[in-house]
Amino acid sequence: VFRLGVGKEPPAFFRVEDALSLVS
């Protein structure tokens, strides 16, 4: 999870594709 880095606001900058990659 940490590999995604530390951003400011996940909803605006965090893609669902990034989230889905964590469950594959």
mmCIF file of all heavy atoms, coordinates in Angstrom:
data_MODEL
# 
_entry.id   MODEL 
# 
loop_
_atom_site.group_PDB 
_atom_site.id 
_atom_site.type_symbol 
_atom_site.label_atom_id 
_atom_site.label_alt_id 
_atom_site.label_comp_id 
_atom_site.label_asym_id 
_atom_site.label_entity_id 
_atom_site.label_seq_id 
_atom_site.pdbx_PDB_ins_code 
_atom_site.Cartn_x 
_atom_site.Cartn_y 
_atom_site.Cartn_z 
_atom_site.occupancy 
_atom_site.B_iso_or_equiv 
_atom_site.pdbx_formal_charge 
_atom_site.auth_seq_id 
_atom_site.auth_comp_id 
_atom_site.auth_asym_id 
_atom_site.auth_atom_id 
_atom_site.pdbx_PDB_model_num 
ATOM 1   N N   . VAL A 1 1  ? 0.836   -1.186 0.000   1.00 0.00 ? 1  VAL A N   1 
ATOM 2   C CA  . VAL A 1 1  ? 0.000   0.000  0.000   1.00 0.00 ? 1  VAL A CA  1 
ATOM 3   C C   . VAL A 1 1  ? 0.879   1.248  0.000   1.00 0.00 ? 1  VAL A C   1 
ATOM 4   O O   . VAL A 1 1  ? 0.619   2.208  -0.707  1.00 0.00 ? 1  VAL A O   1 
ATOM 5   C CB  . VAL A 1 1  ? -0.927  0.008  1.238   1.00 0.00 ? 1  VAL A CB  1 
ATOM 6   C CG1 . VAL A 1 1  ? -1.739  1.287  1.276   1.00 0.00 ? 1  VAL A CG1 1 
ATOM 7   C CG2 . VAL A 1 1  ? -1.839  -1.203 1.218   1.00 0.00 ? 1  VAL A CG2 1 
ATOM 8   N N   . PHE A 1 2  ? 1.955   1.218  0.774   1.00 0.00 ? 2  PHE A N   1 
ATOM 9   C CA  . PHE A 1 2  ? 2.835   2.383  0.865   1.00 0.00 ? 2  PHE A CA  1 
ATOM 10  C C   . PHE A 1 2  ? 3.431   2.750  -0.484  1.00 0.00 ? 2  PHE A C   1 
ATOM 11  O O   . PHE A 1 2  ? 3.764   3.886  -0.703  1.00 0.00 ? 2  PHE A O   1 
ATOM 12  C CB  . PHE A 1 2  ? 3.961   2.123  1.873   1.00 0.00 ? 2  PHE A CB  1 
ATOM 13  C CG  . PHE A 1 2  ? 3.527   2.332  3.292   1.00 0.00 ? 2  PHE A CG  1 
ATOM 14  C CD1 . PHE A 1 2  ? 3.290   1.243  4.126   1.00 0.00 ? 2  PHE A CD1 1 
ATOM 15  C CD2 . PHE A 1 2  ? 3.333   3.596  3.793   1.00 0.00 ? 2  PHE A CD2 1 
ATOM 16  C CE1 . PHE A 1 2  ? 2.894   1.434  5.441   1.00 0.00 ? 2  PHE A CE1 1 
ATOM 17  C CE2 . PHE A 1 2  ? 2.931   3.790  5.113   1.00 0.00 ? 2  PHE A CE2 1 
ATOM 18  C CZ  . PHE A 1 2  ? 2.713   2.713  5.931   1.00 0.00 ? 2  PHE A CZ  1 
ATOM 19  N N   . ARG A 1 3  ? 3.580   1.794  -1.389  1.00 0.00 ? 3  ARG A N   1 
ATOM 20  C CA  . ARG A 1 3  ? 4.179   2.098  -2.680  1.00 0.00 ? 3  ARG A CA  1 
ATOM 21  C C   . ARG A 1 3  ? 3.389   3.140  -3.452  1.00 0.00 ? 3  ARG A C   1 
ATOM 22  O O   . ARG A 1 3  ? 3.894   3.754  -4.363  1.00 0.00 ? 3  ARG A O   1 
ATOM 23  C CB  . ARG A 1 3  ? 4.264   0.827  -3.541  1.00 0.00 ? 3  ARG A CB  1 
ATOM 24  C CG  . ARG A 1 3  ? 5.370   -0.109 -3.128  1.00 0.00 ? 3  ARG A CG  1 
ATOM 25  C CD  . ARG A 1 3  ? 5.644   -1.112 -4.235  1.00 0.00 ? 3  ARG A CD  1 
ATOM 26  N NE  . ARG A 1 3  ? 6.320   -2.267 -3.683  1.00 0.00 ? 3  ARG A NE  1 
ATOM 27  C CZ  . ARG A 1 3  ? 5.837   -3.488 -3.685  1.00 0.00 ? 3  ARG A CZ  1 
ATOM 28  N NH1 . ARG A 1 3  ? 4.661   -3.721 -4.198  1.00 0.00 ? 3  ARG A NH1 1 
ATOM 29  N NH2 . ARG A 1 3  ? 6.515   -4.485 -3.172  1.00 0.00 ? 3  ARG A NH2 1 
ATOM 30  N N   . LEU A 1 4  ? 2.122   3.322  -3.088  1.00 0.00 ? 4  LEU A N   1 
ATOM 31  C CA  . LEU A 1 4  ? 1.322   4.311  -3.785  1.00 0.00 ? 4  LEU A CA  1 
ATOM 32  C C   . LEU A 1 4  ? 1.780   5.725  -3.456  1.00 0.00 ? 4  LEU A C   1 
ATOM 33  O O   . LEU A 1 4  ? 1.442   6.669  -4.137  1.00 0.00 ? 4  LEU A O   1 
ATOM 34  C CB  . LEU A 1 4  ? -0.166  4.166  -3.391  1.00 0.00 ? 4  LEU A CB  1 
ATOM 35  C CG  . LEU A 1 4  ? -0.825  2.882  -3.862  1.00 0.00 ? 4  LEU A CG  1 
ATOM 36  C CD1 . LEU A 1 4  ? -2.214  2.787  -3.279  1.00 0.00 ? 4  LEU A CD1 1 
ATOM 37  C CD2 . LEU A 1 4  ? -0.878  2.838  -5.378  1.00 0.00 ? 4  LEU A CD2 1 
ATOM 38  N N   . GLY A 1 5  ? 2.546   5.851  -2.395  1.00 0.00 ? 5  GLY A N   1 
ATOM 39  C CA  . GLY A 1 5  ? 3.058   7.157  -2.029  1.00 0.00 ? 5  GLY A CA  1 
ATOM 40  C C   . GLY A 1 5  ? 2.078   7.922  -1.170  1.00 0.00 ? 5  GLY A C   1 
ATOM 41  O O   . GLY A 1 5  ? 0.949   7.511  -0.955  1.00 0.00 ? 5  GLY A O   1 
ATOM 42  N N   . VAL A 1 6  ? 2.506   9.067  -0.695  1.00 0.00 ? 6  VAL A N   1 
ATOM 43  C CA  . VAL A 1 6  ? 1.665   9.893  0.161   1.00 0.00 ? 6  VAL A CA  1 
ATOM 44  C C   . VAL A 1 6  ? 1.212   11.100 -0.639  1.00 0.00 ? 6  VAL A C   1 
ATOM 45  O O   . VAL A 1 6  ? 2.001   11.947 -1.024  1.00 0.00 ? 6  VAL A O   1 
ATOM 46  C CB  . VAL A 1 6  ? 2.436   10.352 1.412   1.00 0.00 ? 6  VAL A CB  1 
ATOM 47  C CG1 . VAL A 1 6  ? 1.567   11.255 2.255   1.00 0.00 ? 6  VAL A CG1 1 
ATOM 48  C CG2 . VAL A 1 6  ? 2.881   9.134  2.219   1.00 0.00 ? 6  VAL A CG2 1 
ATOM 49  N N   . GLY A 1 7  ? -0.074  11.168 -0.910  1.00 0.00 ? 7  GLY A N   1 
ATOM 50  C CA  . GLY A 1 7  ? -0.623  12.284 -1.657  1.00 0.00 ? 7  GLY A CA  1 
ATOM 51  C C   . GLY A 1 7  ? -1.401  13.203 -0.742  1.00 0.00 ? 7  GLY A C   1 
ATOM 52  O O   . GLY A 1 7  ? -1.307  13.116 0.472   1.00 0.00 ? 7  GLY A O   1 
ATOM 53  N N   . LYS A 1 8  ? -2.197  14.056 -1.324  1.00 0.00 ? 8  LYS A N   1 
ATOM 54  C CA  . LYS A 1 8  ? -2.947  15.017 -0.531  1.00 0.00 ? 8  LYS A CA  1 
ATOM 55  C C   . LYS A 1 8  ? -4.372  14.534 -0.307  1.00 0.00 ? 8  LYS A C   1 
ATOM 56  O O   . LYS A 1 8  ? -4.828  14.410 0.804   1.00 0.00 ? 8  LYS A O   1 
ATOM 57  C CB  . LYS A 1 8  ? -2.939  16.376 -1.226  1.00 0.00 ? 8  LYS A CB  1 
ATOM 58  C CG  . LYS A 1 8  ? -1.542  16.989 -1.298  1.00 0.00 ? 8  LYS A CG  1 
ATOM 59  C CD  . LYS A 1 8  ? -1.582  18.334 -1.991  1.00 0.00 ? 8  LYS A CD  1 
ATOM 60  C CE  . LYS A 1 8  ? -0.189  18.950 -2.056  1.00 0.00 ? 8  LYS A CE  1 
ATOM 61  N NZ  . LYS A 1 8  ? -0.189  20.248 -2.749  1.00 0.00 ? 8  LYS A NZ  1 
ATOM 62  N N   . GLU A 1 9  ? -5.075  14.280 -1.382  1.00 0.00 ? 9  GLU A N   1 
ATOM 63  C CA  . GLU A 1 9  ? -6.451  13.837 -1.267  1.00 0.00 ? 9  GLU A CA  1 
ATOM 64  C C   . GLU A 1 9  ? -6.677  12.663 -2.179  1.00 0.00 ? 9  GLU A C   1 
ATOM 65  O O   . GLU A 1 9  ? -6.646  12.804 -3.380  1.00 0.00 ? 9  GLU A O   1 
ATOM 66  C CB  . GLU A 1 9  ? -7.407  14.958 -1.674  1.00 0.00 ? 9  GLU A CB  1 
ATOM 67  C CG  . GLU A 1 9  ? -7.905  15.734 -0.516  1.00 0.00 ? 9  GLU A CG  1 
ATOM 68  C CD  . GLU A 1 9  ? -8.998  16.666 -0.939  1.00 0.00 ? 9  GLU A CD  1 
ATOM 69  O OE1 . GLU A 1 9  ? -9.787  16.282 -1.816  1.00 0.00 ? 9  GLU A OE1 1 
ATOM 70  O OE2 . GLU A 1 9  ? -9.056  17.753 -0.403  1.00 0.00 ? 9  GLU A OE2 1 
ATOM 71  N N   . PRO A 1 10 ? -6.922  11.490 -1.626  1.00 0.00 ? 10 PRO A N   1 
ATOM 72  C CA  . PRO A 1 10 ? -7.043  10.339 -2.490  1.00 0.00 ? 10 PRO A CA  1 
ATOM 73  C C   . PRO A 1 10 ? -8.170  10.458 -3.497  1.00 0.00 ? 10 PRO A C   1 
ATOM 74  O O   . PRO A 1 10 ? -8.016  10.081 -4.629  1.00 0.00 ? 10 PRO A O   1 
ATOM 75  C CB  . PRO A 1 10 ? -7.319  9.200  -1.521  1.00 0.00 ? 10 PRO A CB  1 
ATOM 76  C CG  . PRO A 1 10 ? -7.992  9.838  -0.377  1.00 0.00 ? 10 PRO A CG  1 
ATOM 77  C CD  . PRO A 1 10 ? -7.445  11.235 -0.316  1.00 0.00 ? 10 PRO A CD  1 
ATOM 78  N N   . PRO A 1 11 ? -9.338  11.007 -3.092  1.00 0.00 ? 11 PRO A N   1 
ATOM 79  C CA  . PRO A 1 11 ? -10.443 10.995 -4.027  1.00 0.00 ? 11 PRO A CA  1 
ATOM 80  C C   . PRO A 1 11 ? -10.129 11.724 -5.325  1.00 0.00 ? 11 PRO A C   1 
ATOM 81  O O   . PRO A 1 11 ? -10.544 11.318 -6.380  1.00 0.00 ? 11 PRO A O   1 
ATOM 82  C CB  . PRO A 1 11 ? -11.554 11.710 -3.268  1.00 0.00 ? 11 PRO A CB  1 
ATOM 83  C CG  . PRO A 1 11 ? -11.184 11.553 -1.836  1.00 0.00 ? 11 PRO A CG  1 
ATOM 84  C CD  . PRO A 1 11 ? -9.687  11.563 -1.812  1.00 0.00 ? 11 PRO A CD  1 
ATOM 85  N N   . ALA A 1 12 ? -9.366  12.821 -5.244  1.00 0.00 ? 12 ALA A N   1 
ATOM 86  C CA  . ALA A 1 12 ? -9.097  13.618 -6.429  1.00 0.00 ? 12 ALA A CA  1 
ATOM 87  C C   . ALA A 1 12 ? -7.955  13.053 -7.262  1.00 0.00 ? 12 ALA A C   1 
ATOM 88  O O   . ALA A 1 12 ? -7.965  13.157 -8.476  1.00 0.00 ? 12 ALA A O   1 
ATOM 89  C CB  . ALA A 1 12 ? -8.782  15.057 -6.016  1.00 0.00 ? 12 ALA A CB  1 
ATOM 90  N N   . PHE A 1 13 ? -6.961  12.461 -6.624  1.00 0.00 ? 13 PHE A N   1 
ATOM 91  C CA  . PHE A 1 13 ? -5.747  12.093 -7.333  1.00 0.00 ? 13 PHE A CA  1 
ATOM 92  C C   . PHE A 1 13 ? -5.476  10.595 -7.389  1.00 0.00 ? 13 PHE A C   1 
ATOM 93  O O   . PHE A 1 13 ? -4.590  10.150 -8.084  1.00 0.00 ? 13 PHE A O   1 
ATOM 94  C CB  . PHE A 1 13 ? -4.538  12.778 -6.688  1.00 0.00 ? 13 PHE A CB  1 
ATOM 95  C CG  . PHE A 1 13 ? -4.712  14.260 -6.584  1.00 0.00 ? 13 PHE A CG  1 
ATOM 96  C CD1 . PHE A 1 13 ? -4.904  14.863 -5.359  1.00 0.00 ? 13 PHE A CD1 1 
ATOM 97  C CD2 . PHE A 1 13 ? -4.699  15.046 -7.715  1.00 0.00 ? 13 PHE A CD2 1 
ATOM 98  C CE1 . PHE A 1 13 ? -5.073  16.241 -5.266  1.00 0.00 ? 13 PHE A CE1 1 
ATOM 99  C CE2 . PHE A 1 13 ? -4.861  16.418 -7.635  1.00 0.00 ? 13 PHE A CE2 1 
ATOM 100 C CZ  . PHE A 1 13 ? -5.054  17.013 -6.407  1.00 0.00 ? 13 PHE A CZ  1 
ATOM 101 N N   . PHE A 1 14 ? -6.244  9.813  -6.646  1.00 0.00 ? 14 PHE A N   1 
ATOM 102 C CA  . PHE A 1 14 ? -6.008  8.378  -6.551  1.00 0.00 ? 14 PHE A CA  1 
ATOM 103 C C   . PHE A 1 14 ? -6.963  7.669  -7.493  1.00 0.00 ? 14 PHE A C   1 
ATOM 104 O O   . PHE A 1 14 ? -8.171  7.756  -7.348  1.00 0.00 ? 14 PHE A O   1 
ATOM 105 C CB  . PHE A 1 14 ? -6.251  7.941  -5.110  1.00 0.00 ? 14 PHE A CB  1 
ATOM 106 C CG  . PHE A 1 14 ? -5.961  6.493  -4.844  1.00 0.00 ? 14 PHE A CG  1 
ATOM 107 C CD1 . PHE A 1 14 ? -4.662  6.033  -4.844  1.00 0.00 ? 14 PHE A CD1 1 
ATOM 108 C CD2 . PHE A 1 14 ? -6.983  5.614  -4.563  1.00 0.00 ? 14 PHE A CD2 1 
ATOM 109 C CE1 . PHE A 1 14 ? -4.378  4.709  -4.575  1.00 0.00 ? 14 PHE A CE1 1 
ATOM 110 C CE2 . PHE A 1 14 ? -6.713  4.287  -4.290  1.00 0.00 ? 14 PHE A CE2 1 
ATOM 111 C CZ  . PHE A 1 14 ? -5.403  3.838  -4.298  1.00 0.00 ? 14 PHE A CZ  1 
ATOM 112 N N   . ARG A 1 15 ? -6.439  6.981  -8.499  1.00 0.00 ? 15 ARG A N   1 
ATOM 113 C CA  . ARG A 1 15 ? -7.276  6.321  -9.483  1.00 0.00 ? 15 ARG A CA  1 
ATOM 114 C C   . ARG A 1 15 ? -7.829  5.002  -8.949  1.00 0.00 ? 15 ARG A C   1 
ATOM 115 O O   . ARG A 1 15 ? -7.157  4.298  -8.212  1.00 0.00 ? 15 ARG A O   1 
ATOM 116 C CB  . ARG A 1 15 ? -6.476  6.036  -10.757 1.00 0.00 ? 15 ARG A CB  1 
ATOM 117 C CG  . ARG A 1 15 ? -5.908  7.266  -11.440 1.00 0.00 ? 15 ARG A CG  1 
ATOM 118 C CD  . ARG A 1 15 ? -5.143  6.845  -12.678 1.00 0.00 ? 15 ARG A CD  1 
ATOM 119 N NE  . ARG A 1 15 ? -4.163  5.809  -12.356 1.00 0.00 ? 15 ARG A NE  1 
ATOM 120 C CZ  . ARG A 1 15 ? -3.681  4.940  -13.247 1.00 0.00 ? 15 ARG A CZ  1 
ATOM 121 N NH1 . ARG A 1 15 ? -4.098  4.965  -14.481 1.00 0.00 ? 15 ARG A NH1 1 
ATOM 122 N NH2 . ARG A 1 15 ? -2.775  4.038  -12.879 1.00 0.00 ? 15 ARG A NH2 1 
ATOM 123 N N   . VAL A 1 16 ? -9.044  4.678  -9.357  1.00 0.00 ? 16 VAL A N   1 
ATOM 124 C CA  . VAL A 1 16 ? -9.619  3.392  -8.982  1.00 0.00 ? 16 VAL A CA  1 
ATOM 125 C C   . VAL A 1 16 ? -8.754  2.264  -9.530  1.00 0.00 ? 16 VAL A C   1 
ATOM 126 O O   . VAL A 1 16 ? -8.611  1.215  -8.909  1.00 0.00 ? 16 VAL A O   1 
ATOM 127 C CB  . VAL A 1 16 ? -11.069 3.265  -9.505  1.00 0.00 ? 16 VAL A CB  1 
ATOM 128 C CG1 . VAL A 1 16 ? -11.561 1.838  -9.402  1.00 0.00 ? 16 VAL A CG1 1 
ATOM 129 C CG2 . VAL A 1 16 ? -11.988 4.164  -8.692  1.00 0.00 ? 16 VAL A CG2 1 
ATOM 130 N N   . GLU A 1 17 ? -8.121  2.489  -10.690 1.00 0.00 ? 17 GLU A N   1 
ATOM 131 C CA  . GLU A 1 17 ? -7.246  1.461  -11.249 1.00 0.00 ? 17 GLU A CA  1 
ATOM 132 C C   . GLU A 1 17 ? -6.103  1.132  -10.296 1.00 0.00 ? 17 GLU A C   1 
ATOM 133 O O   . GLU A 1 17 ? -5.669  -0.008 -10.189 1.00 0.00 ? 17 GLU A O   1 
ATOM 134 C CB  . GLU A 1 17 ? -6.676  1.925  -12.597 1.00 0.00 ? 17 GLU A CB  1 
ATOM 135 C CG  . GLU A 1 17 ? -7.710  1.954  -13.724 1.00 0.00 ? 17 GLU A CG  1 
ATOM 136 C CD  . GLU A 1 17 ? -8.598  3.184  -13.668 1.00 0.00 ? 17 GLU A CD  1 
ATOM 137 O OE1 . GLU A 1 17 ? -8.338  4.072  -12.824 1.00 0.00 ? 17 GLU A OE1 1 
ATOM 138 O OE2 . GLU A 1 17 ? -9.561  3.245  -14.447 1.00 0.00 ? 17 GLU A OE2 1 
ATOM 139 N N   . ASP A 1 18 ? -5.588  2.157  -9.591  1.00 0.00 ? 18 ASP A N   1 
ATOM 140 C CA  . ASP A 1 18 ? -4.533  1.923  -8.609  1.00 0.00 ? 18 ASP A CA  1 
ATOM 141 C C   . ASP A 1 18 ? -5.056  1.066  -7.462  1.00 0.00 ? 18 ASP A C   1 
ATOM 142 O O   . ASP A 1 18 ? -4.369  0.173  -6.971  1.00 0.00 ? 18 ASP A O   1 
ATOM 143 C CB  . ASP A 1 18 ? -4.010  3.256  -8.055  1.00 0.00 ? 18 ASP A CB  1 
ATOM 144 C CG  . ASP A 1 18 ? -3.355  4.101  -9.130  1.00 0.00 ? 18 ASP A CG  1 
ATOM 145 O OD1 . ASP A 1 18 ? -2.760  3.531  -10.053 1.00 0.00 ? 18 ASP A OD1 1 
ATOM 146 O OD2 . ASP A 1 18 ? -3.454  5.331  -9.036  1.00 0.00 ? 18 ASP A OD2 1 
ATOM 147 N N   . ALA A 1 19 ? -6.275  1.366  -7.033  1.00 0.00 ? 19 ALA A N   1 
ATOM 148 C CA  . ALA A 1 19 ? -6.874  0.589  -5.948  1.00 0.00 ? 19 ALA A CA  1 
ATOM 149 C C   . ALA A 1 19 ? -7.098  -0.854 -6.378  1.00 0.00 ? 19 ALA A C   1 
ATOM 150 O O   . ALA A 1 19 ? -6.801  -1.799 -5.642  1.00 0.00 ? 19 ALA A O   1 
ATOM 151 C CB  . ALA A 1 19 ? -8.200  1.222  -5.519  1.00 0.00 ? 19 ALA A CB  1 
ATOM 152 N N   . LEU A 1 20 ? -7.609  -1.037 -7.593  1.00 0.00 ? 20 LEU A N   1 
ATOM 153 C CA  . LEU A 1 20 ? -7.895  -2.381 -8.065  1.00 0.00 ? 20 LEU A CA  1 
ATOM 154 C C   . LEU A 1 20 ? -6.638  -3.222 -8.212  1.00 0.00 ? 20 LEU A C   1 
ATOM 155 O O   . LEU A 1 20 ? -6.663  -4.442 -8.047  1.00 0.00 ? 20 LEU A O   1 
ATOM 156 C CB  . LEU A 1 20 ? -8.635  -2.312 -9.409  1.00 0.00 ? 20 LEU A CB  1 
ATOM 157 C CG  . LEU A 1 20 ? -10.042 -1.722 -9.355  1.00 0.00 ? 20 LEU A CG  1 
ATOM 158 C CD1 . LEU A 1 20 ? -10.587 -1.539 -10.765 1.00 0.00 ? 20 LEU A CD1 1 
ATOM 159 C CD2 . LEU A 1 20 ? -10.969 -2.592 -8.534  1.00 0.00 ? 20 LEU A CD2 1 
ATOM 160 N N   . SER A 1 21 ? -5.517  -2.566 -8.509  1.00 0.00 ? 21 SER A N   1 
ATOM 161 C CA  . SER A 1 21 ? -4.267  -3.319 -8.651  1.00 0.00 ? 21 SER A CA  1 
ATOM 162 C C   . SER A 1 21 ? -3.857  -3.956 -7.337  1.00 0.00 ? 21 SER A C   1 
ATOM 163 O O   . SER A 1 21 ? -3.132  -4.952 -7.310  1.00 0.00 ? 21 SER A O   1 
ATOM 164 C CB  . SER A 1 21 ? -3.148  -2.401 -9.149  1.00 0.00 ? 21 SER A CB  1 
ATOM 165 O OG  . SER A 1 21 ? -2.751  -1.486 -8.145  1.00 0.00 ? 21 SER A OG  1 
ATOM 166 N N   . LEU A 1 22 ? -4.330  -3.399 -6.219  1.00 0.00 ? 22 LEU A N   1 
ATOM 167 C CA  . LEU A 1 22 ? -3.982  -3.946 -4.911  1.00 0.00 ? 22 LEU A CA  1 
ATOM 168 C C   . LEU A 1 22 ? -4.728  -5.243 -4.605  1.00 0.00 ? 22 LEU A C   1 
ATOM 169 O O   . LEU A 1 22 ? -4.316  -6.001 -3.735  1.00 0.00 ? 22 LEU A O   1 
ATOM 170 C CB  . LEU A 1 22 ? -4.294  -2.920 -3.808  1.00 0.00 ? 22 LEU A CB  1 
ATOM 171 C CG  . LEU A 1 22 ? -3.473  -1.639 -3.839  1.00 0.00 ? 22 LEU A CG  1 
ATOM 172 C CD1 . LEU A 1 22 ? -3.972  -0.674 -2.775  1.00 0.00 ? 22 LEU A CD1 1 
ATOM 173 C CD2 . LEU A 1 22 ? -2.008  -1.938 -3.633  1.00 0.00 ? 22 LEU A CD2 1 
ATOM 174 N N   . VAL A 1 23 ? -5.840  -5.473 -5.298  1.00 0.00 ? 23 VAL A N   1 
ATOM 175 C CA  . VAL A 1 23 ? -6.605  -6.687 -5.023  1.00 0.00 ? 23 VAL A CA  1 
ATOM 176 C C   . VAL A 1 23 ? -6.402  -7.738 -6.106  1.00 0.00 ? 23 VAL A C   1 
ATOM 177 O O   . VAL A 1 23 ? -7.074  -8.765 -6.122  1.00 0.00 ? 23 VAL A O   1 
ATOM 178 C CB  . VAL A 1 23 ? -8.111  -6.386 -4.860  1.00 0.00 ? 23 VAL A CB  1 
ATOM 179 C CG1 . VAL A 1 23 ? -8.343  -5.527 -3.646  1.00 0.00 ? 23 VAL A CG1 1 
ATOM 180 C CG2 . VAL A 1 23 ? -8.682  -5.730 -6.107  1.00 0.00 ? 23 VAL A CG2 1 
ATOM 181 N N   . SER A 1 24 ? -5.478  -7.497 -7.034  1.00 0.00 ? 24 SER A N   1 
ATOM 182 C CA  . SER A 1 24 ? -5.163  -8.473 -8.084  1.00 0.00 ? 24 SER A CA  1 
ATOM 183 C C   . SER A 1 24 ? -3.783  -9.046 -7.822  1.00 0.00 ? 24 SER A C   1 
ATOM 184 O O   . SER A 1 24 ? -2.788  -8.447 -8.168  1.00 0.00 ? 24 SER A O   1 
ATOM 185 C CB  . SER A 1 24 ? -5.186  -7.798 -9.460  1.00 0.00 ? 24 SER A CB  1 
ATOM 186 O OG  . SER A 1 24 ? -6.477  -7.386 -9.785  1.00 0.00 ? 24 SER A OG  1 
# 
